[in-house]
Amino acid sequence: MTKQTESIRKTYDQTPYQSRPFPQSAPERLQAIAHIFGVDAPAASTARVLELGCSAGGNLIAVAVRHPKLRAMGVDVSGVQIAYGQQVLQSSGISNAELRQASIEEIDESWGTFDYIICHGVYSWVPEHVRNAILRVCQQRLSSNGVAYISYNTYPGWKSREILRDAMLLRRPEDDTPENQLAYARGMLDFLQQHTPQDSMLKAALDENMAYIRTAPPSYLLHEFLEQHNAPCYFKDFLASAAEHGLSYLAEADLTCMFANNYPSEMAQPLLRECKTQAQFEQYLDFVGNRSFRQTLLIKAEQAGQVQYTLQRARLQAMHFAGWFEPIAQAGKSKASRKTEMHAKGINGGTVQLTGAVAVALAKILHKTYPATRTMPDLAFAIVAQTDLPVATVTEEVAKTLTQLLISGQVWARCQPVLLPKADKQRPKRVPGVHVWKLQNTLGQAEHTTMACSLWHEAVVLDSLEQQLWQHADGTRDIAALTQIVADAARAGSVGFTEQNQLVTDAQQQQELAAQHTPQAVARMRRCGLLA
């Protein structure tokens, strides 16, 4: 272990990174994106997965729980983080995942090959020799049709943040506690915000980033802004480094940044005429959007000939889609118009406008099915059954609508179906494959956070009431029985209800609040795919 690596180990031992799922890195997502662009990556459900810089395994262990036939290996230089993750594995009885304390440079042929290699939040934050080791491992240890995922900070967006980071480092006391270092660094930004001239570039950088900095978790800020290493790069330079190690660009984990359809035509069309490659087009877009972070998928260079950026309908026909379209009420809409127009809150938190009978029907079916999936043919069949439209018309419209929703991030896709167990709606039941655990305490935390990871690899924080539901929702108890369990837990102090920032201690009031909040919590947990 080099002196620089040892320094990184000490930092993360002292202040663990909050280890949680990153939905964009899920092997199922990586397989789906590879499939969309012409690469037949190994089935995620039986894959071998390696995570570089896995922290306490919060991202990796959930994958292993979801897929018992998958083999997961995580490596991190921090012994403190690895030890905590190993405790989670042992206490949960998870046997298909392993966590090792080691540096990335130590990985060799004895580790075997992996179908998916994940490296989230590491590449930009380590010295150059470790960055080279990451790319070497991806090339040497990746199976022939495997996919590597690497996230990193990018220019031009990180140019302004670098100014703020330099200012924070200037005031950070070298030999002090992490809490004090962060307090001094934040104080520097507060000072600059008060006294920097309004028309300066520094003031623009502060205005652009301060809201994000103020709301970010302390452990994240410490590792993002006050670490010894933070080396952003341009997308083109990252791809050049990857090419030197025998790796080629496949796609971005966020599909929305890849397609011209998601941008105004007056901006996209000149770029399409100018740019000779997909990567060049995206680099231009990084400047337009001032992009500061990327999550890039790489494949072995010898597989690059498989990649097709023109979407093939035959490939999409075989996929499984999910979407959430919560209707937004619009005054003055007639009953007839509601069948052909829909304004909804989408799966990514934004709003989506759907026009046409097929598009509206499709959105309603997906919304009712979520978080489970439906295929294109299945959706077309269901829509034909409830309308008088010709089969050919519906089939064509379903394909067009789903394709546009996919590239705009309004639906998610998988190569295998996402299924929910059959359950009585009055008797909620835990969904198999959902991982629930307590996060490792880190900077700024007084108690452990309980977290769940959904079938879509989303992190869901569970409050005390939801923890009771997770424990007792086994399909044998109805809402009334679960409500009584919550009320009893409130009286025992395991669930806390507050009103006007005061803890409720009156038994009758606790009973009433349990009756009010339990059905709401069940609905939320169903929406997140934790309960059926």
Protein backbone atom coordinates (compact mmCIF):
# COMPACT_ATOMS: atom_id res chain seq x y z
CA MET A 1 0.00 0.00 0.00
CA THR A 2 1.53 3.33 -1.07
CA LYS A 3 1.83 6.31 1.24
CA GLN A 4 -0.96 8.10 -0.67
CA THR A 5 -3.25 5.08 -0.42
CA GLU A 6 -2.51 4.79 3.29
CA SER A 7 -3.53 8.44 3.71
CA ILE A 8 -6.84 7.73 1.96
CA ARG A 9 -7.41 4.70 4.19
CA LYS A 10 -6.97 6.79 7.34
CA THR A 11 -9.40 9.43 6.08
CA TYR A 12 -12.18 6.92 5.38
CA ASP A 13 -11.50 4.98 8.57
CA GLN A 14 -11.93 8.22 10.50
CA THR A 15 -15.00 9.42 8.57
CA PRO A 16 -16.80 6.57 6.78
CA TYR A 17 -18.63 7.40 3.57
CA GLN A 18 -22.37 6.84 3.88
CA SER A 19 -22.75 3.58 2.00
CA ARG A 20 -26.04 3.30 0.12
CA PRO A 21 -27.48 2.06 -3.18
CA PHE A 22 -26.84 4.03 -6.36
CA PRO A 23 -29.71 3.12 -8.74
CA GLN A 24 -27.75 4.07 -11.84
CA SER A 25 -25.08 1.45 -11.03
CA ALA A 26 -27.42 -1.55 -10.65
CA PRO A 27 -26.25 -4.49 -12.79
CA GLU A 28 -29.81 -4.90 -14.10
CA ARG A 29 -29.67 -1.33 -15.39
CA LEU A 30 -26.23 -1.85 -16.93
CA GLN A 31 -27.44 -5.01 -18.69
CA ALA A 32 -30.52 -3.19 -19.99
CA ILE A 33 -28.51 -0.26 -21.36
CA ALA A 34 -26.05 -2.63 -23.02
CA HIS A 35 -28.98 -4.48 -24.61
CA ILE A 36 -30.52 -1.23 -25.88
CA PHE A 37 -27.29 -0.36 -27.69
CA GLY A 38 -26.65 -3.79 -29.19
CA VAL A 39 -24.43 -5.50 -26.62
CA ASP A 40 -25.66 -8.77 -25.10
CA ALA A 41 -24.19 -8.47 -21.62
CA PRO A 42 -24.47 -11.40 -19.17
CA ALA A 43 -27.71 -11.87 -17.23
CA ALA A 44 -27.54 -9.72 -14.11
CA SER A 45 -29.37 -12.30 -11.99
CA THR A 46 -26.53 -14.84 -12.25
CA ALA A 47 -23.58 -12.51 -12.86
CA ARG A 48 -20.29 -12.07 -11.05
CA VAL A 49 -20.12 -8.46 -9.83
CA LEU A 50 -17.08 -6.58 -8.52
CA GLU A 51 -17.32 -3.20 -6.81
CA LEU A 52 -14.16 -1.12 -6.47
CA GLY A 53 -14.28 1.18 -3.45
CA CYS A 54 -17.38 -0.50 -2.05
CA SER A 55 -17.31 1.31 1.33
CA ALA A 56 -19.46 -0.75 3.75
CA GLY A 57 -21.22 -2.56 0.90
CA GLY A 58 -24.43 -0.52 0.94
CA ASN A 59 -24.56 -0.53 -2.86
CA LEU A 60 -23.33 -4.08 -3.47
CA ILE A 61 -25.00 -6.13 -0.73
CA ALA A 62 -28.49 -5.10 -1.87
CA VAL A 63 -27.70 -6.53 -5.32
CA ALA A 64 -26.69 -9.85 -3.74
CA VAL A 65 -29.90 -9.98 -1.68
CA ARG A 66 -32.00 -9.32 -4.78
CA HIS A 67 -30.29 -12.10 -6.76
CA PRO A 68 -29.32 -15.16 -4.67
CA LYS A 69 -27.58 -16.80 -7.67
CA LEU A 70 -25.36 -13.76 -8.26
CA ARG A 71 -21.84 -13.61 -6.80
CA ALA A 72 -20.74 -10.25 -5.44
CA MET A 73 -17.25 -9.13 -4.44
CA GLY A 74 -16.48 -5.76 -2.89
CA VAL A 75 -13.09 -4.21 -2.16
CA ASP A 76 -12.21 -1.11 -0.18
CA VAL A 77 -9.04 0.23 1.39
CA SER A 78 -10.86 1.22 4.60
CA GLY A 79 -10.83 -1.58 7.15
CA VAL A 80 -13.43 0.21 9.28
CA GLN A 81 -15.93 0.32 6.43
CA ILE A 82 -15.24 -3.27 5.34
CA ALA A 83 -15.65 -4.55 8.92
CA TYR A 84 -19.06 -2.89 9.20
CA GLY A 85 -20.18 -4.38 5.90
CA GLN A 86 -19.00 -7.82 6.97
CA GLN A 87 -21.14 -7.48 10.11
CA VAL A 88 -24.16 -6.73 7.91
CA LEU A 89 -23.44 -9.82 5.81
CA GLN A 90 -23.08 -12.03 8.87
CA SER A 91 -26.13 -10.71 10.74
CA SER A 92 -28.30 -10.99 7.62
CA GLY A 93 -27.08 -14.47 6.66
CA ILE A 94 -26.01 -13.34 3.18
CA SER A 95 -23.69 -15.95 1.67
CA ASN A 96 -23.30 -14.83 -1.96
CA ALA A 97 -21.36 -11.63 -1.23
CA GLU A 98 -17.85 -11.06 0.07
CA LEU A 99 -16.10 -7.86 1.17
CA ARG A 100 -12.29 -7.57 1.27
CA GLN A 101 -10.00 -4.90 2.62
CA ALA A 102 -7.43 -4.26 -0.10
CA SER A 103 -6.21 -1.55 -2.42
CA ILE A 104 -7.36 -1.59 -6.03
CA GLU A 105 -3.73 -1.91 -7.16
CA GLU A 106 -3.57 -5.35 -5.50
CA ILE A 107 -6.28 -6.91 -7.69
CA ASP A 108 -4.77 -9.50 -10.05
CA GLU A 109 -5.72 -12.62 -12.02
CA SER A 110 -6.30 -14.60 -8.82
CA TRP A 111 -9.51 -12.62 -8.32
CA GLY A 112 -11.02 -14.11 -11.49
CA THR A 113 -13.23 -12.29 -14.00
CA PHE A 114 -16.43 -10.35 -13.50
CA ASP A 115 -19.43 -9.59 -15.71
CA TYR A 116 -20.03 -6.19 -14.12
CA ILE A 117 -17.46 -3.93 -12.48
CA ILE A 118 -18.80 -0.94 -10.53
CA CYS A 119 -16.67 1.98 -9.39
CA HIS A 120 -18.82 4.77 -7.95
CA GLY A 121 -17.29 7.80 -6.25
CA VAL A 122 -13.66 6.68 -6.49
CA TYR A 123 -12.05 7.58 -9.82
CA SER A 124 -11.76 11.36 -9.34
CA TRP A 125 -10.84 11.09 -5.67
CA VAL A 126 -7.65 9.01 -5.89
CA PRO A 127 -4.12 9.68 -7.25
CA GLU A 128 -3.25 8.99 -10.87
CA HIS A 129 -1.69 5.58 -10.26
CA VAL A 130 -4.94 4.37 -8.66
CA ARG A 131 -6.99 5.79 -11.54
CA ASN A 132 -4.80 3.79 -13.89
CA ALA A 133 -5.29 0.72 -11.70
CA ILE A 134 -9.07 1.13 -11.92
CA LEU A 135 -8.94 1.11 -15.72
CA ARG A 136 -6.44 -1.77 -15.73
CA VAL A 137 -8.71 -3.87 -13.52
CA CYS A 138 -11.70 -3.08 -15.73
CA GLN A 139 -9.81 -4.25 -18.82
CA GLN A 140 -8.15 -7.33 -17.32
CA ARG A 141 -10.88 -8.60 -15.01
CA LEU A 142 -13.96 -7.86 -17.16
CA SER A 143 -15.55 -10.81 -18.97
CA SER A 144 -15.69 -10.63 -22.77
CA ASN A 145 -19.17 -9.07 -22.97
CA GLY A 146 -19.04 -7.48 -19.53
CA VAL A 147 -19.79 -3.86 -18.64
CA ALA A 148 -17.84 -1.51 -16.37
CA TYR A 149 -19.45 1.49 -14.67
CA ILE A 150 -17.25 4.38 -13.51
CA SER A 151 -18.45 7.68 -12.07
CA TYR A 152 -16.27 10.79 -11.96
CA ASN A 153 -16.33 14.58 -11.70
CA THR A 154 -16.23 16.40 -15.00
CA TYR A 155 -15.37 19.71 -16.54
CA PRO A 156 -16.66 22.23 -17.37
CA GLY A 157 -19.10 22.03 -14.45
CA TRP A 158 -16.44 21.37 -11.84
CA LYS A 159 -14.41 24.44 -12.86
CA SER A 160 -16.53 26.70 -10.64
CA ARG A 161 -16.58 24.18 -7.79
CA GLU A 162 -12.79 23.96 -7.88
CA ILE A 163 -12.61 27.64 -6.94
CA LEU A 164 -14.80 26.98 -3.90
CA ARG A 165 -12.82 23.84 -3.01
CA ASP A 166 -9.57 25.84 -3.11
CA ALA A 167 -11.07 28.43 -0.78
CA MET A 168 -12.30 25.74 1.62
CA LEU A 169 -8.89 24.05 1.64
CA LEU A 170 -7.19 27.37 2.31
CA ARG A 171 -8.99 27.75 5.65
CA ARG A 172 -9.13 24.07 6.65
CA PRO A 173 -6.96 23.43 9.73
CA GLU A 174 -4.56 20.60 8.91
CA ASP A 175 -4.48 18.82 12.27
CA ASP A 176 -8.02 18.98 13.60
CA THR A 177 -11.16 16.88 13.82
CA PRO A 178 -13.22 16.36 10.64
CA GLU A 179 -16.07 18.31 12.26
CA ASN A 180 -13.87 21.35 12.85
CA GLN A 181 -12.27 21.12 9.42
CA LEU A 182 -15.70 21.20 7.80
CA ALA A 183 -16.90 24.03 10.04
CA TYR A 184 -13.91 26.20 9.12
CA ALA A 185 -14.33 25.39 5.42
CA ARG A 186 -18.02 26.27 5.45
CA GLY A 187 -17.22 29.44 7.33
CA MET A 188 -14.90 30.46 4.50
CA LEU A 189 -17.73 30.15 1.99
CA ASP A 190 -20.10 32.12 4.22
CA PHE A 191 -17.50 34.88 4.46
CA LEU A 192 -17.00 34.95 0.70
CA GLN A 193 -20.72 35.02 0.03
CA GLN A 194 -21.08 38.10 2.24
CA HIS A 195 -18.13 40.06 0.87
CA THR A 196 -17.55 39.01 -2.75
CA PRO A 197 -18.47 41.66 -5.38
CA GLN A 198 -21.80 40.97 -7.05
CA ASP A 199 -20.43 41.04 -10.60
CA SER A 200 -17.45 38.74 -9.98
CA MET A 201 -16.92 35.18 -11.28
CA LEU A 202 -16.49 34.02 -7.69
CA LYS A 203 -19.94 35.36 -6.77
CA ALA A 204 -21.39 33.50 -9.75
CA ALA A 205 -19.69 30.29 -8.56
CA LEU A 206 -21.05 30.78 -5.05
CA ASP A 207 -24.59 31.46 -6.28
CA GLU A 208 -24.44 28.39 -8.50
CA ASN A 209 -23.25 25.96 -5.83
CA MET A 210 -24.13 27.16 -2.33
CA ALA A 211 -27.62 25.64 -2.16
CA TYR A 212 -26.16 22.25 -3.08
CA ILE A 213 -23.29 22.63 -0.58
CA ARG A 214 -25.59 23.68 2.28
CA THR A 215 -27.89 20.67 1.91
CA ALA A 216 -25.28 17.96 1.25
CA PRO A 217 -24.50 15.48 4.08
CA PRO A 218 -21.38 16.39 6.11
CA SER A 219 -19.52 13.17 5.24
CA TYR A 220 -20.10 13.80 1.54
CA LEU A 221 -18.82 17.38 1.76
CA LEU A 222 -15.73 16.30 3.65
CA HIS A 223 -14.77 13.70 1.06
CA GLU A 224 -15.88 15.74 -1.96
CA PHE A 225 -14.29 19.10 -1.13
CA LEU A 226 -11.63 18.54 1.53
CA GLU A 227 -9.92 15.35 0.36
CA GLN A 228 -6.32 15.52 -0.80
CA HIS A 229 -7.34 14.28 -4.25
CA ASN A 230 -10.15 15.52 -6.47
CA ALA A 231 -9.23 15.44 -10.15
CA PRO A 232 -12.12 16.25 -12.50
CA CYS A 233 -11.58 15.76 -16.22
CA TYR A 234 -13.30 16.35 -19.51
CA PHE A 235 -15.38 13.47 -20.86
CA LYS A 236 -13.12 13.21 -23.93
CA ASP A 237 -10.03 12.89 -21.73
CA PHE A 238 -11.63 10.15 -19.64
CA LEU A 239 -12.42 8.22 -22.83
CA ALA A 240 -8.84 8.72 -24.04
CA SER A 241 -7.52 7.20 -20.79
CA ALA A 242 -9.98 4.32 -21.13
CA ALA A 243 -8.84 3.70 -24.71
CA GLU A 244 -5.21 3.51 -23.57
CA HIS A 245 -6.31 0.62 -21.34
CA GLY A 246 -8.23 -1.24 -24.06
CA LEU A 247 -11.69 0.01 -23.10
CA SER A 248 -14.34 1.63 -25.29
CA TYR A 249 -17.36 3.85 -24.64
CA LEU A 250 -20.75 2.15 -24.49
CA ALA A 251 -23.16 4.66 -22.98
CA GLU A 252 -23.99 6.91 -20.08
CA ALA A 253 -25.97 5.46 -17.17
CA ASP A 254 -28.32 8.43 -17.59
CA LEU A 255 -29.77 7.96 -21.07
CA THR A 256 -31.31 11.42 -21.16
CA CYS A 257 -27.99 13.11 -21.94
CA MET A 258 -27.35 10.93 -24.99
CA PHE A 259 -30.24 11.73 -27.32
CA ALA A 260 -30.77 14.83 -29.45
CA ASN A 261 -34.56 14.46 -29.02
CA ASN A 262 -34.18 15.69 -25.44
CA TYR A 263 -32.84 19.08 -26.54
CA PRO A 264 -34.26 21.97 -28.59
CA SER A 265 -33.81 21.26 -32.29
CA GLU A 266 -32.14 24.62 -32.91
CA MET A 267 -29.37 23.50 -30.55
CA ALA A 268 -29.22 19.78 -31.31
CA GLN A 269 -29.29 19.86 -35.11
CA PRO A 270 -26.11 21.95 -35.58
CA LEU A 271 -24.31 19.64 -33.15
CA LEU A 272 -25.49 16.54 -35.01
CA ARG A 273 -24.17 18.02 -38.27
CA GLU A 274 -20.85 18.98 -36.68
CA CYS A 275 -20.11 15.94 -34.52
CA LYS A 276 -18.76 12.77 -36.08
CA THR A 277 -19.26 10.46 -33.08
CA GLN A 278 -21.66 9.93 -30.20
CA ALA A 279 -18.90 10.79 -27.72
CA GLN A 280 -18.11 14.07 -29.48
CA PHE A 281 -21.80 15.01 -29.47
CA GLU A 282 -22.02 14.37 -25.73
CA GLN A 283 -18.85 16.36 -25.02
CA TYR A 284 -20.41 19.37 -26.73
CA LEU A 285 -23.55 18.86 -24.65
CA ASP A 286 -21.43 18.82 -21.48
CA PHE A 287 -20.43 22.39 -22.31
CA VAL A 288 -24.01 23.41 -23.07
CA GLY A 289 -25.25 21.96 -19.78
CA ASN A 290 -22.15 22.81 -17.71
CA ARG A 291 -21.99 19.16 -16.67
CA SER A 292 -20.12 18.37 -13.45
CA PHE A 293 -20.59 14.59 -13.01
CA ARG A 294 -20.73 11.54 -15.24
CA GLN A 295 -21.52 7.86 -14.83
CA THR A 296 -19.98 6.17 -17.85
CA LEU A 297 -20.35 2.60 -19.08
CA LEU A 298 -17.33 0.98 -20.73
CA ILE A 299 -16.82 -2.29 -22.59
CA LYS A 300 -13.74 -4.04 -23.92
CA ALA A 301 -12.42 -2.37 -27.07
CA GLU A 302 -12.85 -5.54 -29.12
CA GLN A 303 -16.62 -5.40 -28.49
CA ALA A 304 -17.01 -1.81 -29.72
CA GLY A 305 -18.24 -2.98 -33.14
CA GLN A 306 -21.44 -4.29 -31.54
CA VAL A 307 -22.57 -0.86 -30.33
CA GLN A 308 -25.47 0.73 -32.24
CA TYR A 309 -26.71 4.16 -31.18
CA THR A 310 -29.73 3.96 -33.50
CA LEU A 311 -32.34 2.20 -31.38
CA GLN A 312 -33.58 -1.10 -32.75
CA ARG A 313 -37.27 -1.76 -32.13
CA ALA A 314 -36.72 -5.53 -32.08
CA ARG A 315 -34.46 -5.12 -29.05
CA LEU A 316 -36.94 -2.90 -27.22
CA GLN A 317 -39.77 -5.37 -27.94
CA ALA A 318 -38.05 -7.93 -25.71
CA MET A 319 -37.62 -5.58 -22.74
CA HIS A 320 -39.70 -4.97 -19.62
CA PHE A 321 -40.82 -1.43 -18.74
CA ALA A 322 -42.02 0.34 -15.61
CA GLY A 323 -43.31 3.84 -15.07
CA TRP A 324 -45.04 6.05 -12.53
CA PHE A 325 -47.53 8.61 -13.86
CA GLU A 326 -49.37 10.31 -11.02
CA PRO A 327 -52.11 12.47 -12.58
CA ILE A 328 -51.97 16.20 -11.93
CA ALA A 329 -55.46 17.69 -11.81
CA GLN A 330 -56.16 20.34 -14.43
CA ALA A 331 -59.23 22.52 -14.07
CA GLY A 332 -61.66 22.62 -16.96
CA LYS A 333 -60.72 19.25 -18.47
CA SER A 334 -63.70 17.33 -19.85
CA LYS A 335 -64.12 13.60 -19.32
CA ALA A 336 -63.46 13.01 -23.02
CA SER A 337 -60.26 15.07 -23.06
CA ARG A 338 -58.91 13.18 -20.04
CA LYS A 339 -58.79 10.07 -22.25
CA THR A 340 -56.49 11.75 -24.76
CA GLU A 341 -54.53 14.22 -22.62
CA MET A 342 -52.71 13.63 -19.34
CA HIS A 343 -50.44 15.82 -17.24
CA ALA A 344 -48.60 13.71 -14.67
CA LYS A 345 -45.79 13.58 -12.16
CA GLY A 346 -43.27 11.13 -13.54
CA ILE A 347 -40.95 8.47 -12.19
CA ASN A 348 -37.99 10.87 -12.13
CA GLY A 349 -39.85 13.52 -10.13
CA GLY A 350 -40.50 15.79 -13.10
CA THR A 351 -43.71 16.36 -15.00
CA VAL A 352 -44.70 14.71 -18.26
CA GLN A 353 -47.38 15.61 -20.80
CA LEU A 354 -49.00 12.68 -22.61
CA THR A 355 -51.11 13.21 -25.71
CA GLY A 356 -53.22 10.66 -27.54
CA ALA A 357 -55.48 7.83 -26.41
CA VAL A 358 -52.73 5.20 -26.65
CA ALA A 359 -50.16 7.23 -24.72
CA VAL A 360 -52.63 8.03 -21.93
CA ALA A 361 -53.81 4.41 -21.69
CA LEU A 362 -50.21 3.19 -21.62
CA ALA A 363 -49.31 5.59 -18.80
CA LYS A 364 -52.33 4.50 -16.75
CA ILE A 365 -51.49 0.81 -17.15
CA LEU A 366 -47.84 1.31 -16.18
CA HIS A 367 -48.86 3.46 -13.22
CA LYS A 368 -51.25 0.78 -11.97
CA THR A 369 -48.62 -1.94 -12.44
CA TYR A 370 -45.65 -0.08 -10.89
CA PRO A 371 -43.16 -1.12 -9.56
CA ALA A 372 -43.70 -4.28 -11.62
CA THR A 373 -43.02 -4.25 -15.36
CA ARG A 374 -44.91 -4.79 -18.63
CA THR A 375 -43.60 -5.58 -22.12
CA MET A 376 -44.41 -3.71 -25.34
CA PRO A 377 -46.60 -6.54 -26.74
CA ASP A 378 -48.36 -6.94 -23.40
CA LEU A 379 -49.13 -3.21 -23.23
CA ALA A 380 -50.38 -3.16 -26.83
CA PHE A 381 -52.67 -6.14 -26.16
CA ALA A 382 -54.12 -4.50 -23.03
CA ILE A 383 -54.75 -1.19 -24.83
CA VAL A 384 -56.44 -2.89 -27.80
CA ALA A 385 -58.73 -4.68 -25.34
CA GLN A 386 -59.94 -1.40 -23.82
CA THR A 387 -60.18 0.72 -27.00
CA ASP A 388 -61.66 0.35 -30.47
CA LEU A 389 -58.36 1.20 -32.15
CA PRO A 390 -56.80 -1.16 -34.75
CA VAL A 391 -54.07 -3.51 -33.54
CA ALA A 392 -51.51 -2.11 -36.00
CA THR A 393 -52.16 1.47 -34.87
CA VAL A 394 -51.87 0.60 -31.19
CA THR A 395 -48.71 -1.47 -31.71
CA GLU A 396 -47.01 1.37 -33.58
CA GLU A 397 -48.06 4.03 -31.06
CA VAL A 398 -46.98 1.92 -28.07
CA ALA A 399 -43.53 1.44 -29.61
CA LYS A 400 -43.12 5.15 -30.39
CA THR A 401 -44.42 6.30 -27.00
CA LEU A 402 -42.32 3.87 -24.97
CA THR A 403 -39.19 4.72 -26.93
CA GLN A 404 -39.62 8.44 -26.31
CA LEU A 405 -40.45 7.89 -22.63
CA LEU A 406 -37.37 5.67 -22.28
CA ILE A 407 -34.87 8.13 -23.76
CA SER A 408 -36.40 11.00 -21.77
CA GLY A 409 -36.08 9.07 -18.49
CA GLN A 410 -39.82 8.75 -17.90
CA VAL A 411 -39.84 4.94 -17.94
CA TRP A 412 -37.27 2.43 -16.75
CA ALA A 413 -36.34 -0.78 -18.53
CA ARG A 414 -34.94 -4.19 -17.67
CA CYS A 415 -34.05 -7.32 -19.60
CA GLN A 416 -35.87 -9.52 -17.08
CA PRO A 417 -39.31 -8.82 -15.59
CA VAL A 418 -39.66 -7.15 -12.22
CA LEU A 419 -42.40 -9.06 -10.43
CA LEU A 420 -44.31 -8.58 -7.19
CA PRO A 421 -45.70 -11.46 -5.14
CA LYS A 422 -49.44 -11.96 -5.18
CA ALA A 423 -50.91 -10.39 -2.08
CA ASP A 424 -54.22 -9.35 -0.56
CA LYS A 425 -54.39 -5.56 -0.77
CA GLN A 426 -55.86 -5.53 2.73
CA ARG A 427 -52.97 -7.62 4.08
CA PRO A 428 -49.64 -6.01 3.11
CA LYS A 429 -46.70 -8.32 2.56
CA ARG A 430 -42.94 -7.78 2.40
CA VAL A 431 -41.51 -8.02 -1.11
CA PRO A 432 -38.80 -10.71 -1.36
CA GLY A 433 -35.40 -9.42 -2.45
CA VAL A 434 -35.67 -6.12 -0.58
CA HIS A 435 -32.64 -5.48 1.64
CA VAL A 436 -33.13 -3.59 4.92
CA TRP A 437 -30.21 -2.61 7.15
CA LYS A 438 -28.83 0.10 9.41
CA LEU A 439 -26.33 2.52 7.88
CA GLN A 440 -22.92 2.94 9.44
CA ASN A 441 -22.79 6.09 11.55
CA THR A 442 -20.64 8.84 10.14
CA LEU A 443 -19.99 12.56 10.53
CA GLY A 444 -22.99 14.52 11.79
CA GLN A 445 -25.11 11.49 12.75
CA ALA A 446 -26.32 10.78 16.27
CA GLU A 447 -28.04 7.48 15.51
CA HIS A 448 -28.15 4.79 12.84
CA THR A 449 -30.41 5.37 9.85
CA THR A 450 -32.51 2.38 8.78
CA MET A 451 -32.54 2.00 5.02
CA ALA A 452 -34.23 -0.27 2.51
CA CYS A 453 -33.22 -0.96 -1.08
CA SER A 454 -36.10 -1.49 -3.48
CA LEU A 455 -36.26 -3.90 -6.42
CA TRP A 456 -35.27 -0.90 -8.59
CA HIS A 457 -32.15 -0.39 -6.44
CA GLU A 458 -33.51 2.80 -4.91
CA ALA A 459 -32.51 3.84 -1.40
CA VAL A 460 -35.52 4.35 0.88
CA VAL A 461 -35.05 5.65 4.43
CA LEU A 462 -37.51 4.00 6.83
CA ASP A 463 -38.86 5.95 9.78
CA SER A 464 -39.82 4.24 13.04
CA LEU A 465 -43.40 3.55 11.90
CA GLU A 466 -42.25 2.04 8.61
CA GLN A 467 -39.74 -0.13 10.44
CA GLN A 468 -42.63 -1.60 12.43
CA LEU A 469 -44.54 -2.26 9.22
CA TRP A 470 -41.54 -3.93 7.62
CA GLN A 471 -41.15 -6.19 10.65
CA HIS A 472 -44.81 -7.22 10.87
CA ALA A 473 -46.22 -7.03 7.31
CA ASP A 474 -46.01 -10.75 6.55
CA GLY A 475 -49.31 -11.08 4.68
CA THR A 476 -51.28 -12.38 7.68
CA ARG A 477 -52.24 -9.02 9.21
CA ASP A 478 -54.72 -6.51 7.82
CA ILE A 479 -54.40 -2.72 8.07
CA ALA A 480 -56.34 -2.64 11.34
CA ALA A 481 -53.99 -5.17 12.96
CA LEU A 482 -50.93 -3.28 11.71
CA THR A 483 -52.40 -0.03 13.01
CA GLN A 484 -52.75 -1.56 16.46
CA ILE A 485 -49.14 -2.77 16.37
CA VAL A 486 -48.03 0.77 15.52
CA ALA A 487 -50.16 2.25 18.32
CA ASP A 488 -48.73 -0.23 20.83
CA ALA A 489 -45.20 0.60 19.62
CA ALA A 490 -45.93 4.30 20.11
CA ARG A 491 -46.98 3.66 23.71
CA ALA A 492 -43.81 1.61 24.24
CA GLY A 493 -41.67 4.42 22.81
CA SER A 494 -40.56 2.55 19.66
CA VAL A 495 -42.58 4.84 17.37
CA GLY A 496 -42.63 8.57 17.93
CA PHE A 497 -45.50 10.81 16.83
CA THR A 498 -45.02 14.56 17.06
CA GLU A 499 -47.40 17.48 16.79
CA GLN A 500 -46.15 21.06 16.76
CA ASN A 501 -42.64 19.67 17.37
CA GLN A 502 -43.80 18.02 20.61
CA LEU A 503 -43.70 14.26 21.24
CA VAL A 504 -47.23 12.89 21.65
CA THR A 505 -47.58 10.85 24.86
CA ASP A 506 -51.36 10.68 25.24
CA ALA A 507 -52.51 7.10 24.50
CA GLN A 508 -55.76 8.11 22.77
CA GLN A 509 -53.96 10.61 20.57
CA GLN A 510 -51.32 8.00 19.71
CA GLN A 511 -54.12 5.61 18.68
CA GLU A 512 -55.67 8.25 16.44
CA LEU A 513 -52.35 9.14 14.85
CA ALA A 514 -51.57 5.47 14.25
CA ALA A 515 -54.91 5.10 12.46
CA GLN A 516 -54.12 8.15 10.35
CA HIS A 517 -50.50 7.42 9.45
CA THR A 518 -50.39 3.62 9.08
CA PRO A 519 -52.41 3.45 5.83
CA GLN A 520 -50.35 6.34 4.44
CA ALA A 521 -47.10 4.55 5.29
CA VAL A 522 -48.35 1.31 3.71
CA ALA A 523 -49.20 3.24 0.53
CA ARG A 524 -45.74 4.83 0.44
CA MET A 525 -43.98 1.51 0.98
CA ARG A 526 -46.05 -0.02 -1.82
CA ARG A 527 -45.19 2.91 -4.06
CA CYS A 528 -41.49 2.24 -3.32
CA GLY A 529 -41.87 -1.47 -4.02
CA LEU A 530 -41.15 -2.59 -0.46
CA LEU A 531 -44.61 -4.04 0.26
CA ALA A 532 -47.07 -5.88 -1.98
